[in-house]
Amino acid sequence: MMLADSYDIPEEVSRGPHSPAFGKFLRNWFGDTYALTHGELDLSFLDDLTPEELALARGLVRRNLKLRQTHIIEGTSALHDVSAVPILRAMLDEESDVSRRLTIAGALWKLIQDPIFIDCLNSAKASGRNILCGIHLLQVLWLGDERAVDFLIDMLPEKDGESHFWRVFRRICFRWPFRPLLTRAYLAHAHANMEGNFALGLLNELESGHQMGIPAWEMPHQPSDYRKRRHDPAFRELMVGAVRKWNAEIRNGR
């Protein structure tokens, strides 16, 4: 089996022989990690590990936590390795990068519901660095209840849609010959609202049950719609159900 040299794997382990489940674990965590790191791997094969193989797999992940790679950190929660908690907490204490802190805290949340995860989410939101976009925004759903809905609503832009000024400016930018210069202001405007627009898209997708694939200003429900319904019991029940359904369908999160 071809495993990457960057990982600390004892020779007797890499040499094998291995069961199909343990071989798949080694290959995807320490060999060809593409499917795992791109969220395309069904992790149900981990359920087929024997108790001895599970203990060995957990040990290998803990052994390689020093590399601080995202899929290794998340491996602790995928393998339900509560014994990794002290190591993760020490890593978190030493980590200054906001994105990696969220990854570590997310593993702690999945393992023991450590509230430091909520602190890290709040820090990311307050950083002004658009951390809560893409995969990190989906971490908000791990809260699994009304807190996730409230967090997303709190992230929303202050105003609905796109102002008349920016609609006109955007059309002009893509017509004039000096488009790179003219679009700079618009791109800065879009960047400043990135997290809020991502949150708006996610709320609409949760409510509709499908991906929208349209710009934030064309979403059927705008920020004012969600603020207006925020405390409506039926709306909250609907959205919490959607959050839990989303989490249940995650293939790569366990």
Protein backbone atom coordinates (compact mmCIF):
# COMPACT_ATOMS: atom_id res chain seq x y z
CA MET A 1 0.00 0.00 0.00
CA MET A 2 1.31 3.45 -0.98
CA LEU A 3 1.22 5.81 2.00
CA ALA A 4 2.61 9.34 2.00
CA ASP A 5 6.04 9.74 3.59
CA SER A 6 4.89 12.84 5.49
CA TYR A 7 2.87 10.72 7.93
CA ASP A 8 4.19 8.90 10.95
CA ILE A 9 3.08 5.32 10.30
CA PRO A 10 4.98 2.38 11.82
CA GLU A 11 6.39 0.09 9.15
CA GLU A 12 4.65 -2.98 10.51
CA VAL A 13 1.30 -1.17 10.18
CA SER A 14 1.88 0.03 6.63
CA ARG A 15 3.15 -3.42 5.62
CA GLY A 16 -0.07 -5.18 6.63
CA PRO A 17 -1.91 -7.39 6.02
CA HIS A 18 -5.11 -5.40 6.52
CA SER A 19 -8.81 -6.06 6.51
CA PRO A 20 -10.74 -4.25 3.73
CA ALA A 21 -12.07 -1.67 6.21
CA PHE A 22 -8.71 -0.91 7.83
CA GLY A 23 -6.98 -0.82 4.44
CA LYS A 24 -9.53 1.73 3.27
CA PHE A 25 -8.91 3.78 6.39
CA LEU A 26 -5.13 3.80 5.85
CA ARG A 27 -5.43 4.60 2.17
CA ASN A 28 -7.84 7.49 2.60
CA TRP A 29 -6.24 9.09 5.67
CA PHE A 30 -2.58 8.58 4.88
CA GLY A 31 -2.38 7.79 1.17
CA ASP A 32 -4.73 9.27 -1.40
CA THR A 33 -6.67 11.78 0.73
CA TYR A 34 -8.50 13.54 -2.12
CA ALA A 35 -11.96 12.02 -1.60
CA LEU A 36 -11.75 12.50 2.16
CA THR A 37 -10.61 16.11 2.06
CA HIS A 38 -13.18 17.03 -0.59
CA GLY A 39 -16.12 15.58 1.32
CA GLU A 40 -16.71 12.84 -1.26
CA LEU A 41 -15.97 9.81 0.91
CA ASP A 42 -18.67 7.73 2.58
CA LEU A 43 -17.22 6.97 6.01
CA SER A 44 -19.60 4.13 6.83
CA PHE A 45 -16.71 1.68 6.35
CA LEU A 46 -15.35 2.86 9.72
CA ASP A 47 -18.23 0.98 11.33
CA ASP A 48 -16.67 -2.25 10.01
CA LEU A 49 -13.42 -1.80 11.94
CA THR A 50 -12.88 -4.39 14.66
CA PRO A 51 -12.29 -3.06 18.20
CA GLU A 52 -8.57 -3.74 17.76
CA GLU A 53 -8.48 -1.95 14.39
CA LEU A 54 -10.45 0.98 15.79
CA ALA A 55 -7.97 1.39 18.64
CA LEU A 56 -5.09 1.25 16.16
CA ALA A 57 -6.77 3.77 13.82
CA ARG A 58 -7.34 6.18 16.71
CA GLY A 59 -3.72 5.83 17.76
CA LEU A 60 -2.48 6.60 14.25
CA VAL A 61 -4.61 9.73 14.04
CA ARG A 62 -3.43 10.95 17.45
CA ARG A 63 0.14 10.20 16.43
CA ASN A 64 -0.22 12.51 13.41
CA LEU A 65 -2.13 15.36 15.03
CA LYS A 66 1.20 17.18 15.26
CA LEU A 67 0.89 17.83 11.51
CA ARG A 68 -2.21 19.97 12.18
CA GLN A 69 -3.82 18.85 8.94
CA THR A 70 -7.57 19.34 8.75
CA HIS A 71 -8.50 15.78 7.82
CA ILE A 72 -6.32 14.41 10.64
CA ILE A 73 -7.94 16.72 13.18
CA GLU A 74 -11.39 15.77 11.94
CA GLY A 75 -10.36 12.12 12.09
CA THR A 76 -10.57 12.26 15.88
CA SER A 77 -14.29 12.96 15.72
CA ALA A 78 -14.89 10.57 12.80
CA LEU A 79 -13.39 7.81 14.98
CA HIS A 80 -15.12 9.10 18.13
CA ASP A 81 -11.76 9.24 19.92
CA VAL A 82 -12.54 10.99 23.21
CA SER A 83 -8.99 10.23 24.40
CA ALA A 84 -7.77 12.80 21.86
CA VAL A 85 -9.55 15.64 23.70
CA PRO A 86 -6.55 16.71 25.84
CA ILE A 87 -4.33 16.84 22.75
CA LEU A 88 -6.91 18.87 20.84
CA ARG A 89 -7.31 21.30 23.71
CA ALA A 90 -3.54 21.79 23.90
CA MET A 91 -3.45 22.36 20.14
CA LEU A 92 -6.23 24.92 20.42
CA ASP A 93 -4.39 26.80 23.16
CA GLU A 94 -1.35 27.07 20.90
CA GLU A 95 -3.23 27.94 17.69
CA SER A 96 -3.71 31.55 16.54
CA ASP A 97 -5.16 30.97 13.07
CA VAL A 98 -8.92 31.57 13.22
CA SER A 99 -9.75 28.98 10.58
CA ARG A 100 -7.72 26.20 12.15
CA ARG A 101 -9.08 27.08 15.59
CA LEU A 102 -12.57 26.48 14.21
CA THR A 103 -11.49 23.10 12.84
CA ILE A 104 -10.02 22.01 16.19
CA ALA A 105 -12.94 23.38 18.19
CA GLY A 106 -15.35 21.67 15.80
CA ALA A 107 -13.75 18.33 16.57
CA LEU A 108 -14.07 19.05 20.29
CA TRP A 109 -17.72 19.92 19.81
CA LYS A 110 -18.44 16.66 18.02
CA LEU A 111 -16.58 14.66 20.64
CA ILE A 112 -17.78 16.25 23.89
CA GLN A 113 -19.96 19.25 22.98
CA ASP A 114 -17.19 21.55 24.20
CA PRO A 115 -18.62 25.13 24.33
CA ILE A 116 -15.28 26.51 23.15
CA PHE A 117 -16.67 25.79 19.68
CA ILE A 118 -19.34 28.47 20.13
CA ASP A 119 -16.67 30.90 21.32
CA CYS A 120 -14.64 30.19 18.19
CA LEU A 121 -17.67 30.72 15.96
CA ASN A 122 -18.30 34.08 17.61
CA SER A 123 -14.63 35.03 17.26
CA ALA A 124 -14.68 34.14 13.58
CA LYS A 125 -17.81 36.24 13.04
CA ALA A 126 -16.26 39.19 14.87
CA SER A 127 -12.94 38.95 13.01
CA GLY A 128 -14.25 40.65 9.88
CA ARG A 129 -12.16 38.27 7.76
CA ASN A 130 -15.01 36.40 6.04
CA ILE A 131 -14.02 33.16 7.75
CA LEU A 132 -17.61 31.92 7.96
CA CYS A 133 -18.04 31.11 4.29
CA GLY A 134 -18.17 27.70 2.64
CA ILE A 135 -17.32 24.79 4.92
CA HIS A 136 -16.88 26.92 8.04
CA LEU A 137 -20.38 28.33 7.63
CA LEU A 138 -21.76 24.78 7.51
CA GLN A 139 -20.12 24.21 10.89
CA VAL A 140 -22.73 26.55 12.35
CA LEU A 141 -25.29 23.83 11.61
CA TRP A 142 -23.44 21.49 13.96
CA LEU A 143 -25.06 23.38 16.83
CA GLY A 144 -28.09 21.33 15.84
CA ASP A 145 -30.85 23.47 17.34
CA GLU A 146 -32.28 27.00 17.48
CA ARG A 147 -28.84 28.42 18.19
CA ALA A 148 -27.82 27.61 14.60
CA VAL A 149 -30.84 29.46 13.20
CA ASP A 150 -30.26 32.50 15.41
CA PHE A 151 -26.54 32.58 14.58
CA LEU A 152 -27.27 32.63 10.83
CA ILE A 153 -29.91 35.34 11.19
CA ASP A 154 -27.50 37.46 13.22
CA MET A 155 -25.05 37.24 10.31
CA LEU A 156 -27.47 38.59 7.69
CA PRO A 157 -26.85 41.85 5.84
CA GLU A 158 -28.64 44.88 7.25
CA LYS A 159 -30.61 45.56 4.06
CA ASP A 160 -32.53 43.45 1.58
CA GLY A 161 -31.40 42.82 -1.96
CA GLU A 162 -29.04 45.05 -3.84
CA SER A 163 -29.38 48.82 -3.82
CA HIS A 164 -30.31 50.64 -7.04
CA PHE A 165 -26.85 52.25 -7.08
CA TRP A 166 -25.01 48.91 -7.02
CA ARG A 167 -27.34 47.35 -9.61
CA VAL A 168 -26.61 50.18 -12.04
CA PHE A 169 -22.91 50.20 -11.17
CA ARG A 170 -22.61 46.45 -11.72
CA ARG A 171 -24.19 46.71 -15.19
CA ILE A 172 -21.89 49.59 -16.14
CA CYS A 173 -18.80 47.76 -14.88
CA PHE A 174 -19.31 44.90 -17.28
CA ARG A 175 -19.91 47.14 -20.30
CA TRP A 176 -17.10 49.65 -20.16
CA PRO A 177 -13.65 48.85 -21.60
CA PHE A 178 -11.84 49.52 -18.32
CA ARG A 179 -13.76 46.85 -16.46
CA PRO A 180 -10.94 45.81 -14.04
CA LEU A 181 -10.64 49.32 -12.66
CA LEU A 182 -14.35 50.01 -12.55
CA THR A 183 -15.22 46.72 -10.86
CA ARG A 184 -12.79 47.21 -7.97
CA ALA A 185 -15.29 49.19 -5.88
CA TYR A 186 -18.07 46.71 -6.58
CA LEU A 187 -15.91 43.72 -5.67
CA ALA A 188 -14.93 45.43 -2.42
CA HIS A 189 -18.62 45.99 -1.68
CA ALA A 190 -19.43 42.32 -2.38
CA HIS A 191 -16.49 41.14 -0.27
CA ALA A 192 -17.67 43.22 2.70
CA ASN A 193 -21.06 41.45 2.55
CA MET A 194 -19.75 37.98 1.76
CA GLU A 195 -20.49 36.23 5.07
CA GLY A 196 -23.97 37.74 5.29
CA ASN A 197 -24.79 36.71 1.74
CA PHE A 198 -23.56 33.17 2.38
CA ALA A 199 -25.73 33.02 5.51
CA LEU A 200 -28.74 34.27 3.54
CA GLY A 201 -28.19 31.60 0.90
CA LEU A 202 -27.90 28.87 3.52
CA LEU A 203 -31.09 29.96 5.29
CA ASN A 204 -32.96 29.92 1.98
CA GLU A 205 -31.58 26.48 1.15
CA LEU A 206 -32.56 25.12 4.55
CA GLU A 207 -36.09 26.49 4.20
CA SER A 208 -36.59 25.36 0.61
CA GLY A 209 -34.84 22.02 0.95
CA HIS A 210 -32.72 22.47 -2.17
CA GLN A 211 -29.76 24.45 -3.47
CA MET A 212 -30.66 27.87 -4.82
CA GLY A 213 -27.80 28.63 -7.24
CA ILE A 214 -28.76 32.32 -7.53
CA PRO A 215 -27.22 35.55 -6.21
CA ALA A 216 -28.14 36.69 -2.71
CA TRP A 217 -30.20 39.63 -3.98
CA GLU A 218 -32.42 37.22 -5.94
CA MET A 219 -33.13 34.89 -3.02
CA PRO A 220 -36.88 34.42 -2.41
CA HIS A 221 -36.46 35.31 1.26
CA GLN A 222 -34.43 38.37 2.20
CA PRO A 223 -32.91 39.43 5.55
CA SER A 224 -36.03 41.32 6.66
CA ASP A 225 -38.14 38.19 6.04
CA TYR A 226 -36.02 36.17 8.44
CA ARG A 227 -35.85 38.88 11.06
CA LYS A 228 -39.63 39.26 10.91
CA ARG A 229 -40.22 35.53 11.43
CA ARG A 230 -37.34 34.95 13.82
CA HIS A 231 -39.49 34.43 16.90
CA ASP A 232 -42.37 32.65 15.17
CA PRO A 233 -42.66 29.16 16.76
CA ALA A 234 -43.72 27.45 13.53
CA PHE A 235 -40.84 29.00 11.60
CA ARG A 236 -38.31 28.04 14.26
CA GLU A 237 -39.60 24.47 14.35
CA LEU A 238 -39.37 24.25 10.55
CA MET A 239 -35.82 25.59 10.46
CA VAL A 240 -34.54 23.44 13.33
CA GLY A 241 -35.96 20.40 11.57
CA ALA A 242 -34.15 21.44 8.40
CA VAL A 243 -30.87 21.90 10.33
CA ARG A 244 -31.15 18.43 11.84
CA LYS A 245 -32.06 16.89 8.48
CA TRP A 246 -29.00 18.53 6.92
CA ASN A 247 -26.73 17.18 9.66
CA ALA A 248 -28.22 13.69 9.37
CA GLU A 249 -27.50 13.59 5.64
CA ILE A 250 -23.84 14.61 5.92
CA ARG A 251 -21.72 11.76 4.59
CA ASN A 252 -18.35 13.07 5.58
CA GLY A 253 -19.05 14.53 9.00
CA ARG A 254 -20.05 11.55 11.17
